[in-house]
C-alpha atoms as a PDB file:
ATOM      1  CA  ASN A   1    -146.492-103.006-197.763  1.00  0.00           C
ATOM      2  CA  MET A   2    -142.748-104.684-196.914  1.00  0.00           C
ATOM      3  CA  SER A   3    -141.502-101.339-195.305  1.00  0.00           C
ATOM      4  CA  SER A   4    -144.036-101.567-192.388  1.00  0.00           C
ATOM      5  CA  PHE A   5    -143.804-105.479-192.032  1.00  0.00           C
ATOM      6  CA  ARG A   6    -140.539-104.803-191.720  1.00  0.00           C
ATOM      7  CA  LYS A   7    -140.829-102.267-188.946  1.00  0.00           C
ATOM      8  CA  ALA A   8    -143.825-104.608-187.212  1.00  0.00           C
ATOM      9  CA  LEU A   9    -141.313-107.547-187.120  1.00  0.00           C
ATOM     10  CA  LYS A  10    -139.074-105.323-185.576  1.00  0.00           C
ATOM     11  CA  SER A  11    -140.669-103.983-182.465  1.00  0.00           C
ATOM     12  CA  ARG A  12    -141.287-107.633-181.427  1.00  0.00           C
ATOM     13  CA  GLN A  13    -137.843-108.585-181.476  1.00  0.00           C
ATOM     14  CA  ARG A  14    -135.825-108.562-178.279  1.00  0.00           C
ATOM     15  CA  ASN A  15    -132.719-106.242-178.410  1.00  0.00           C
ATOM     16  CA  HIS A  16    -129.725-109.041-178.042  1.00  0.00           C
ATOM     17  CA  HIS A  17    -127.312-108.775-174.741  1.00  0.00           C
ATOM     18  CA  GLU A  18    -124.126-109.976-174.703  1.00  0.00           C
ATOM     19  CA  ARG A  19    -124.274-112.325-171.021  1.00  0.00           C
ATOM     20  CA  SER A  20    -122.120-111.441-168.610  1.00  0.00           C
ATOM     21  CA  GLN A  21    -118.990-113.344-166.757  1.00  0.00           C
ATOM     22  CA  PRO A  22    -120.820-116.882-165.650  1.00  0.00           C
ATOM     23  CA  GLY A  23    -120.645-117.294-162.092  1.00  0.00           C
ATOM     24  CA  PHE A  24    -117.932-119.979-161.803  1.00  0.00           C
ATOM     25  CA  ARG A  25    -115.487-117.873-163.610  1.00  0.00           C
ATOM     26  CA  LYS A  26    -116.425-114.724-161.601  1.00  0.00           C
ATOM     27  CA  ASN A  27    -112.426-115.366-160.243  1.00  0.00           C
ATOM     28  CA  LEU A  28    -111.588-114.692-163.648  1.00  0.00           C
ATOM     29  CA  GLY A  29    -113.039-110.850-163.209  1.00  0.00           C
ATOM     30  CA  LEU A  30    -115.097-108.724-165.652  1.00  0.00           C
ATOM     31  CA  LEU A  31    -115.923-110.195-169.094  1.00  0.00           C
ATOM     32  CA  GLU A  32    -114.799-108.217-171.628  1.00  0.00           C
ATOM     33  CA  LYS A  33    -117.524-107.150-174.343  1.00  0.00           C
ATOM     34  CA  LYS A  34    -117.288-105.504-177.486  1.00  0.00           C
ATOM     35  CA  LYS A  35    -117.495-102.220-177.052  1.00  0.00           C
ATOM     36  CA  ASP A  36    -114.514-102.746-174.167  1.00  0.00           C
ATOM     37  CA  TYR A  37    -112.228-104.946-176.846  1.00  0.00           C
ATOM     38  CA  LYS A  38    -112.652-101.628-179.558  1.00  0.00           C
ATOM     39  CA  LEU A  39    -111.500 -99.534-177.377  1.00  0.00           C
ATOM     40  CA  ARG A  40    -107.934-101.999-176.907  1.00  0.00           C
ATOM     41  CA  ALA A  41    -107.860-102.308-180.103  1.00  0.00           C
ATOM     42  CA  ASP A  42    -107.999 -98.839-181.047  1.00  0.00           C
ATOM     43  CA  ASP A  43    -105.336 -97.948-178.382  1.00  0.00           C
ATOM     44  CA  TYR A  44    -103.315-101.190-179.501  1.00  0.00           C
ATOM     45  CA  HIS A  45    -102.976 -99.850-183.257  1.00  0.00           C
ATOM     46  CA  LYS A  46    -102.382 -96.113-182.318  1.00  0.00           C
ATOM     47  CA  LYS A  47     -99.440 -97.132-180.493  1.00  0.00           C
ATOM     48  CA  GLN A  48     -98.062 -99.446-183.655  1.00  0.00           C
ATOM     49  CA  ASN A  49     -98.965 -96.510-185.888  1.00  0.00           C
ATOM     50  CA  THR A  50     -97.034 -93.888-183.773  1.00  0.00           C
ATOM     51  CA  LEU A  51     -93.972 -96.470-182.827  1.00  0.00           C
ATOM     52  CA  ALA A  52     -93.855 -96.887-186.862  1.00  0.00           C
ATOM     53  CA  ALA A  53     -93.688 -92.812-187.643  1.00  0.00           C
ATOM     54  CA  LEU A  54     -91.263 -93.626-185.031  1.00  0.00           C
ATOM     55  CA  ARG A  55     -88.960 -95.478-186.878  1.00  0.00           C
ATOM     56  CA  LYS A  56     -89.818 -93.647-190.462  1.00  0.00           C
ATOM     57  CA  LYS A  57     -88.350 -90.407-188.296  1.00  0.00           C
ATOM     58  CA  ALA A  58     -85.778 -92.186-187.499  1.00  0.00           C
ATOM     59  CA  LEU A  59     -84.429 -93.676-190.563  1.00  0.00           C
ATOM     60  CA  ASP A  60     -84.790 -90.545-192.189  1.00  0.00           C
ATOM     61  CA  LYS A  61     -82.908 -88.396-189.387  1.00  0.00           C
ATOM     62  CA  ASN A  62     -79.557 -86.644-190.498  1.00  0.00           C
ATOM     63  CA  PRO A  63     -76.666 -88.244-188.561  1.00  0.00           C
ATOM     64  CA  ASP A  64     -74.676 -85.425-188.033  1.00  0.00           C
ATOM     65  CA  GLU A  65     -78.037 -83.371-187.278  1.00  0.00           C
ATOM     66  CA  PHE A  66     -77.149 -81.646-183.765  1.00  0.00           C
ATOM     67  CA  TYR A  67     -79.135 -79.270-181.786  1.00  0.00           C
ATOM     68  CA  PHE A  68     -78.777 -77.610-178.292  1.00  0.00           C
ATOM     69  CA  LYS A  69     -80.975 -79.420-176.217  1.00  0.00           C
ATOM     70  CA  MET A  70     -79.249 -82.484-176.733  1.00  0.00           C
ATOM     71  CA  ILE A  71     -76.619 -80.927-173.930  1.00  0.00           C
ATOM     72  CA  SER A  72     -78.666 -78.629-171.607  1.00  0.00           C
ATOM     73  CA  SER A  73     -80.980 -81.189-170.913  1.00  0.00           C
ATOM     74  CA  LYS A  74     -81.520 -85.299-169.298  1.00  0.00           C
ATOM     75  CA  LEU A  75     -84.108 -87.641-168.883  1.00  0.00           C
ATOM     76  CA  GLU A  76     -85.596 -87.888-165.298  1.00  0.00           C
ATOM     77  CA  ASP A  77     -88.646 -90.173-164.951  1.00  0.00           C
ATOM     78  CA  GLY A  78     -88.286 -91.139-168.653  1.00  0.00           C
ATOM     79  CA  VAL A  79     -89.385 -87.298-169.124  1.00  0.00           C
ATOM     80  CA  HIS A  80     -86.584 -84.847-170.610  1.00  0.00           C
ATOM     81  CA  MET A  81     -86.101 -81.743-168.135  1.00  0.00           C
ATOM     82  CA  MET A  82     -83.819 -78.701-168.928  1.00  0.00           C
ATOM     83  CA  LYS A  83     -81.100 -78.372-167.067  1.00  0.00           C
ATOM     84  CA  LYS A  84     -81.228 -75.469-164.482  1.00  0.00           C
ATOM     85  CA  ALA A  85     -78.944 -72.601-165.689  1.00  0.00           C
ATOM     86  CA  GLU A  86     -75.793 -71.625-162.923  1.00  0.00           C
ATOM     87  CA  VAL A  87     -76.077 -68.199-161.724  1.00  0.00           C
ATOM     88  CA  GLU A  88     -72.902 -67.088-163.807  1.00  0.00           C
ATOM     89  CA  VAL A  89     -72.404 -63.301-162.554  1.00  0.00           C
ATOM     90  CA  THR A  90     -73.189 -62.721-159.099  1.00  0.00           C
ATOM     91  CA  GLU A  91     -74.508 -58.934-157.948  1.00  0.00           C
ATOM     92  CA  GLU A  92     -70.821 -58.087-156.285  1.00  0.00           C
ATOM     93  CA  GLN A  93     -69.502 -59.165-159.132  1.00  0.00           C
ATOM     94  CA  LYS A  94     -71.060 -56.787-161.669  1.00  0.00           C
ATOM     95  CA  LYS A  95     -71.015 -54.163-159.242  1.00  0.00           C
ATOM     96  CA  VAL A  96     -66.664 -55.015-159.328  1.00  0.00           C
ATOM     97  CA  MET A  97     -67.162 -55.113-163.177  1.00  0.00           C
ATOM     98  CA  ARG A  98     -68.332 -52.012-163.271  1.00  0.00           C
ATOM     99  CA  THR A  99     -65.947 -50.594-161.049  1.00  0.00           C
ATOM    100  CA  GLN A 100     -63.469 -51.795-163.319  1.00  0.00           C
ATOM    101  CA  ASP A 101     -64.843 -50.241-166.667  1.00  0.00           C
ATOM    102  CA  ILE A 102     -65.386 -46.738-164.295  1.00  0.00           C
ATOM    103  CA  LYS A 103     -61.347 -46.703-163.867  1.00  0.00           C
ATOM    104  CA  TYR A 104     -60.174 -47.787-167.590  1.00  0.00           C
ATOM    105  CA  VAL A 105     -62.753 -44.814-168.361  1.00  0.00           C
ATOM    106  CA  GLU A 106     -61.329 -42.092-166.565  1.00  0.00           C
ATOM    107  CA  MET A 107     -57.582 -43.251-166.579  1.00  0.00           C
ATOM    108  CA  LYS A 108     -57.922 -42.866-170.639  1.00  0.00           C
ATOM    109  CA  ARG A 109     -60.311 -39.576-169.697  1.00  0.00           C
ATOM    110  CA  VAL A 110     -57.374 -38.114-167.364  1.00  0.00           C
ATOM    111  CA  ALA A 111     -54.523 -39.340-170.192  1.00  0.00           C
ATOM    112  CA  GLU A 112     -56.541 -37.778-172.425  1.00  0.00           C
ATOM    113  CA  ALA A 113     -56.558 -34.466-170.251  1.00  0.00           C
ATOM    114  CA  LYS A 114     -52.504 -34.313-169.362  1.00  0.00           C
ATOM    115  CA  LYS A 115     -51.921 -34.696-173.593  1.00  0.00           C
ATOM    116  CA  ILE A 116     -54.611 -31.710-173.733  1.00  0.00           C
ATOM    117  CA  GLU A 117     -52.617 -29.685-171.530  1.00  0.00           C
ATOM    118  CA  ARG A 118     -49.242 -30.702-173.469  1.00  0.00           C
ATOM    119  CA  MET A 119     -51.086 -29.567-176.613  1.00  0.00           C
ATOM    120  CA  LYS A 120     -51.974 -26.503-174.901  1.00  0.00           C
ATOM    121  CA  GLY A 121     -48.506 -25.394-174.041  1.00  0.00           C
ATOM    122  CA  ALA A 122     -46.670 -25.963-176.528  1.00  0.00           C
ATOM    123  CA  LEU A 123     -48.922 -23.902-179.219  1.00  0.00           C
ATOM    124  CA  HIS A 124     -49.912 -21.632-176.470  1.00  0.00           C
ATOM    125  CA  LEU A 125     -53.671 -20.965-178.716  1.00  0.00           C
ATOM    126  CA  LEU A 126     -51.565 -18.150-180.891  1.00  0.00           C
ATOM    127  CA  ASP A 127     -54.085 -18.338-183.975  1.00  0.00           C
ATOM    128  CA  ALA A 128     -56.421 -21.418-183.222  1.00  0.00           C
ATOM    129  CA  GLU A 129     -59.681 -20.834-185.299  1.00  0.00           C
ATOM    130  CA  SER A 130     -62.057 -22.323-182.893  1.00  0.00           C
ATOM    131  CA  LYS A 131     -60.732 -19.885-180.256  1.00  0.00           C
ATOM    132  CA  GLN A 132     -63.145 -16.645-179.649  1.00  0.00           C
ATOM    133  CA  LYS A 133     -61.163 -13.959-181.249  1.00  0.00           C
ATOM    134  CA  ASN A 134     -60.466 -11.114-178.187  1.00  0.00           C
ATOM    135  CA  LYS A 135     -61.721  -6.858-179.488  1.00  0.00           C
ATOM    136  CA  HIS A 136     -59.419  -4.400-179.696  1.00  0.00           C
ATOM    137  CA  THR A 137     -61.393  -1.137-179.675  1.00  0.00           C
ATOM    138  CA  PHE A 138     -60.282   1.979-180.853  1.00  0.00           C
ATOM    139  CA  PHE A 139     -61.545   5.289-180.505  1.00  0.00           C
ATOM    140  CA  VAL A 140     -61.958   8.640-182.957  1.00  0.00           C
ATOM    141  CA  ASN A 141     -63.129  12.072-182.822  1.00  0.00           C
ATOM    142  CA  SER A 142     -65.055  12.246-185.484  1.00  0.00           C
ATOM    143  CA  LYS A 143     -67.218  10.355-187.783  1.00  0.00           C
ATOM    144  CA  LYS A 144     -65.048  11.185-190.372  1.00  0.00           C
ATOM    145  CA  GLU A 145     -61.901   9.332-188.810  1.00  0.00           C
ATOM    146  CA  VAL A 146     -64.131   6.346-188.709  1.00  0.00           C
ATOM    147  CA  LYS A 147     -64.862   5.990-192.519  1.00  0.00           C
ATOM    148  CA  THR A 148     -60.964   7.244-193.264  1.00  0.00           C
ATOM    149  CA  PHE A 149     -60.163   4.734-190.564  1.00  0.00           C
ATOM    150  CA  ASP A 150     -56.420   3.089-191.688  1.00  0.00           C
ATOM    151  CA  LEU A 151     -55.958  -0.060-189.383  1.00  0.00           C
ATOM    152  CA  ALA A 152     -52.415  -0.631-190.511  1.00  0.00           C
ATOM    153  CA  SER A 153     -50.979   2.632-190.303  1.00  0.00           C
ATOM    154  CA  HIS A 154     -52.603   3.143-186.804  1.00  0.00           C
ATOM    155  CA  LEU A 155     -50.998   0.309-185.562  1.00  0.00           C
ATOM    156  CA  ASN A 156     -47.622   1.576-187.547  1.00  0.00           C
ATOM    157  CA  THR A 157     -47.438  -1.923-189.975  1.00  0.00           C
ATOM    158  CA  ALA A 158     -47.368  -3.509-192.857  1.00  0.00           C
ATOM    159  CA  PRO A 159     -51.626  -4.233-194.328  1.00  0.00           C
ATOM    160  CA  GLU A 160     -50.429  -8.038-194.655  1.00  0.00           C
ATOM    161  CA  LEU A 161     -49.251  -8.024-191.093  1.00  0.00           C
ATOM    162  CA  VAL A 162     -51.855  -6.913-189.749  1.00  0.00           C
ATOM    163  CA  ASP A 163     -54.598  -9.886-188.695  1.00  0.00           C
ATOM    164  CA  ARG A 164     -51.907 -12.126-187.315  1.00  0.00           C
ATOM    165  CA  VAL A 165     -52.147 -11.904-183.417  1.00  0.00           C
ATOM    166  CA  TYR A 166     -48.386 -12.363-182.807  1.00  0.00           C
ATOM    167  CA  ASN A 167     -44.866 -11.357-184.755  1.00  0.00           C
ATOM    168  CA  ARG A 168     -46.581  -8.517-185.564  1.00  0.00           C
ATOM    169  CA  PRO A 169     -43.343  -6.088-185.770  1.00  0.00           C
ATOM    170  CA  THR A 170     -43.433  -1.740-186.817  1.00  0.00           C
ATOM    171  CA  LEU A 171     -42.726  -0.653-190.023  1.00  0.00           C
ATOM    172  CA  HIS A 172     -39.789   1.316-188.183  1.00  0.00           C
ATOM    173  CA  THR A 173     -38.483  -2.117-186.931  1.00  0.00           C
ATOM    174  CA  LEU A 174     -38.994  -3.363-190.103  1.00  0.00           C
ATOM    175  CA  GLU A 175     -36.822  -0.850-192.287  1.00  0.00           C
ATOM    176  CA  THR A 176     -34.031  -0.603-189.658  1.00  0.00           C
ATOM    177  CA  LYS A 177     -33.368  -4.647-188.217  1.00  0.00           C
ATOM    178  CA  SER A 178     -33.758  -7.797-190.968  1.00  0.00           C
ATOM    179  CA  ILE A 179     -37.242  -9.743-188.445  1.00  0.00           C
ATOM    180  CA  GLN A 180     -36.752 -13.591-189.048  1.00  0.00           C
ATOM    181  CA  GLY A 181     -40.198 -15.054-189.777  1.00  0.00           C
ATOM    182  CA  ALA A 182     -42.156 -11.382-190.799  1.00  0.00           C
ATOM    183  CA  VAL A 183     -42.467 -12.058-193.908  1.00  0.00           C
ATOM    184  CA  ASP A 184     -44.301 -15.243-194.602  1.00  0.00           C
ATOM    185  CA  THR A 185     -41.790 -17.659-196.904  1.00  0.00           C
ATOM    186  CA  PRO A 186     -43.003 -21.462-197.844  1.00  0.00           C
ATOM    187  CA  THR A 187     -41.146 -22.601-194.876  1.00  0.00           C
ATOM    188  CA  GLN A 188     -43.343 -20.240-192.920  1.00  0.00           C
ATOM    189  CA  GLU A 189     -46.637 -21.178-194.412  1.00  0.00           C
ATOM    190  CA  LYS A 190     -45.476 -24.879-193.976  1.00  0.00           C
ATOM    191  CA  MET A 191     -45.397 -24.409-190.419  1.00  0.00           C
ATOM    192  CA  ALA A 192     -48.672 -22.363-190.786  1.00  0.00           C
ATOM    193  CA  ARG A 193     -49.812 -25.425-192.248  1.00  0.00           C
ATOM    194  CA  GLN A 194     -48.450 -27.155-189.814  1.00  0.00           C
ATOM    195  CA  ARG A 195     -49.918 -25.210-186.665  1.00  0.00           C
ATOM    196  CA  LYS A 196     -52.775 -25.928-187.907  1.00  0.00           C
ATOM    197  CA  HIS A 197     -53.269 -29.829-188.002  1.00  0.00           C
ATOM    198  CA  GLN A 198     -51.917 -29.649-184.628  1.00  0.00           C
ATOM    199  CA  TYR A 199     -55.188 -26.907-183.752  1.00  0.00           C
ATOM    200  CA  LYS A 200     -57.750 -29.635-185.269  1.00  0.00           C
ATOM    201  CA  MET A 201     -55.832 -32.267-183.479  1.00  0.00           C
ATOM    202  CA  LEU A 202     -56.294 -30.228-180.446  1.00  0.00           C
ATOM    203  CA  SER A 203     -59.792 -29.943-180.708  1.00  0.00           C
ATOM    204  CA  GLN A 204     -60.483 -33.612-181.341  1.00  0.00           C
ATOM    205  CA  ARG A 205     -58.727 -35.092-178.557  1.00  0.00           C
ATOM    206  CA  VAL A 206     -60.996 -32.298-176.479  1.00  0.00           C
ATOM    207  CA  ASP A 207     -63.533 -33.415-177.335  1.00  0.00           C
ATOM    208  CA  ARG A 208     -62.799 -36.816-177.078  1.00  0.00           C
ATOM    209  CA  GLU A 209     -61.885 -35.860-173.683  1.00  0.00           C
ATOM    210  CA  LYS A 210     -65.490 -34.278-173.610  1.00  0.00           C
ATOM    211  CA  LYS A 211     -67.205 -37.785-174.728  1.00  0.00           C
ATOM    212  CA  LEU A 212     -65.240 -40.258-172.200  1.00  0.00           C
ATOM    213  CA  PHE A 213     -66.737 -37.943-168.909  1.00  0.00           C
ATOM    214  CA  VAL A 214     -69.947 -38.865-170.330  1.00  0.00           C
ATOM    215  CA  ILE A 215     -69.155 -42.478-170.635  1.00  0.00           C
ATOM    216  CA  SER A 216     -67.568 -42.498-167.008  1.00  0.00           C
ATOM    217  CA  GLN A 217     -70.455 -40.772-165.838  1.00  0.00           C
ATOM    218  CA  LYS A 218     -73.135 -42.798-167.615  1.00  0.00           C
ATOM    219  CA  ILE A 219     -71.669 -46.251-166.386  1.00  0.00           C
ATOM    220  CA  GLN A 220     -71.337 -44.326-162.356  1.00  0.00           C
ATOM    221  CA  THR A 221     -75.119 -43.870-162.661  1.00  0.00           C
ATOM    222  CA  ARG A 222     -75.851 -47.575-163.464  1.00  0.00           C
ATOM    223  CA  LYS A 223     -73.376 -48.535-160.905  1.00  0.00           C
ATOM    224  CA  ASP A 224     -75.582 -46.617-158.428  1.00  0.00           C
ATOM    225  CA  LEU A 225     -78.954 -47.830-160.110  1.00  0.00           C
ATOM    226  CA  GLN A 226     -77.461 -51.409-158.529  1.00  0.00           C
ATOM    227  CA  ASP A 227     -78.223 -50.607-154.989  1.00  0.00           C
ATOM    228  CA  LYS A 228     -81.766 -51.955-154.160  1.00  0.00           C
ATOM    229  CA  THR A 229     -82.695 -48.113-152.833  1.00  0.00           C
ATOM    230  CA  LYS A 230     -86.119 -46.036-153.855  1.00  0.00           C
ATOM    231  CA  LYS A 231     -85.002 -43.521-156.487  1.00  0.00           C
ATOM    232  CA  VAL A 232     -86.719 -40.959-158.646  1.00  0.00           C
ATOM    233  CA  LYS A 233     -85.498 -39.928-161.599  1.00  0.00           C
ATOM    234  CA  VAL A 234     -84.930 -35.965-161.761  1.00  0.00           C
ATOM    235  CA  LYS A 235     -83.701 -35.582-165.564  1.00  0.00           C
ATOM    236  CA  LYS A 236     -83.680 -38.234-168.231  1.00  0.00           C
ATOM    237  CA  GLU A 237     -80.153 -39.539-170.083  1.00  0.00           C
ATOM    238  CA  THR A 238     -79.003 -37.599-172.765  1.00  0.00           C
ATOM    239  CA  GLU A 239     -75.943 -38.092-176.054  1.00  0.00           C
ATOM    240  CA  ASN A 240     -74.346 -35.325-173.679  1.00  0.00           C
ATOM    241  CA  SER A 241     -75.031 -35.791-170.089  1.00  0.00           C
ATOM    242  CA  ALA A 242     -75.379 -38.554-168.099  1.00  0.00           C
ATOM    243  CA  ALA A 243     -79.700 -39.719-166.101  1.00  0.00           C
ATOM    244  CA  ILE A 244     -80.295 -37.710-162.973  1.00  0.00           C
ATOM    245  CA  TYR A 245     -81.790 -39.731-160.148  1.00  0.00           C
ATOM    246  CA  LYS A 246     -82.686 -38.626-156.429  1.00  0.00           C
ATOM    247  CA  PHE A 247     -81.505 -41.596-154.161  1.00  0.00           C
ATOM    248  CA  GLU A 248     -83.879 -42.275-150.490  1.00  0.00           C
ATOM    249  CA  ALA A 249     -81.312 -41.422-147.697  1.00  0.00           C
ATOM    250  CA  LYS A 250     -79.879 -44.148-146.146  1.00  0.00           C
ATOM    251  CA  ARG A 251     -78.802 -44.247-142.634  1.00  0.00           C
ATOM    252  CA  LYS A 252     -75.270 -46.103-142.666  1.00  0.00           C
ATOM    253  CA  ARG A 253     -74.707 -48.669-139.841  1.00  0.00           C
END
């Protein structure tokens, strides 16, 4: 049949070989074959397509577009290289800055402590709600007297003045003399409110002074950690205390 004839015909054919460079043209180098042309043509078309794509990208680009690599890179031998970042802060400068931080915090803490002392001196801590109440124990002879014990009569003062820790005159004094402020007047009540507000302010200042002390301790710990010595953590940092480290003993030269 026709297919077997074709096969037989093909078997008798010789493979086609492209000729090599003729001897008189050897000085011109290797003669380019089809496969060599194909490689060259593919490379050429690939480069043409790349250039066309780049031209399109350039045309479509927003002229106002800006990105930081435009100023943070430079061309070296036709290749974009990122500029090396300069060291902005040295270790020595960091230590000085930490010292300045701790000095500022310590200054604010000392200022708070002085204000607290002044307020304590002015208020005398007479009736502060947060102050621990003093205990005054009275001794009686029998259980019956315990049940019938009346504090106002025992202290010989008016019942409404029993809760006071200051300005608590006796009944005899109230009867014989006119005591300024013995009985609560509207003015006295106003003064009591003001005093309560001052105690609140004092309590807030005490809390602030404690917080500043903790911040100061934490900054100092971080400053100490910048030294290149071996250290071991003894206690973790908490909200109310700085971390504790054990440092290797370093001989001073």
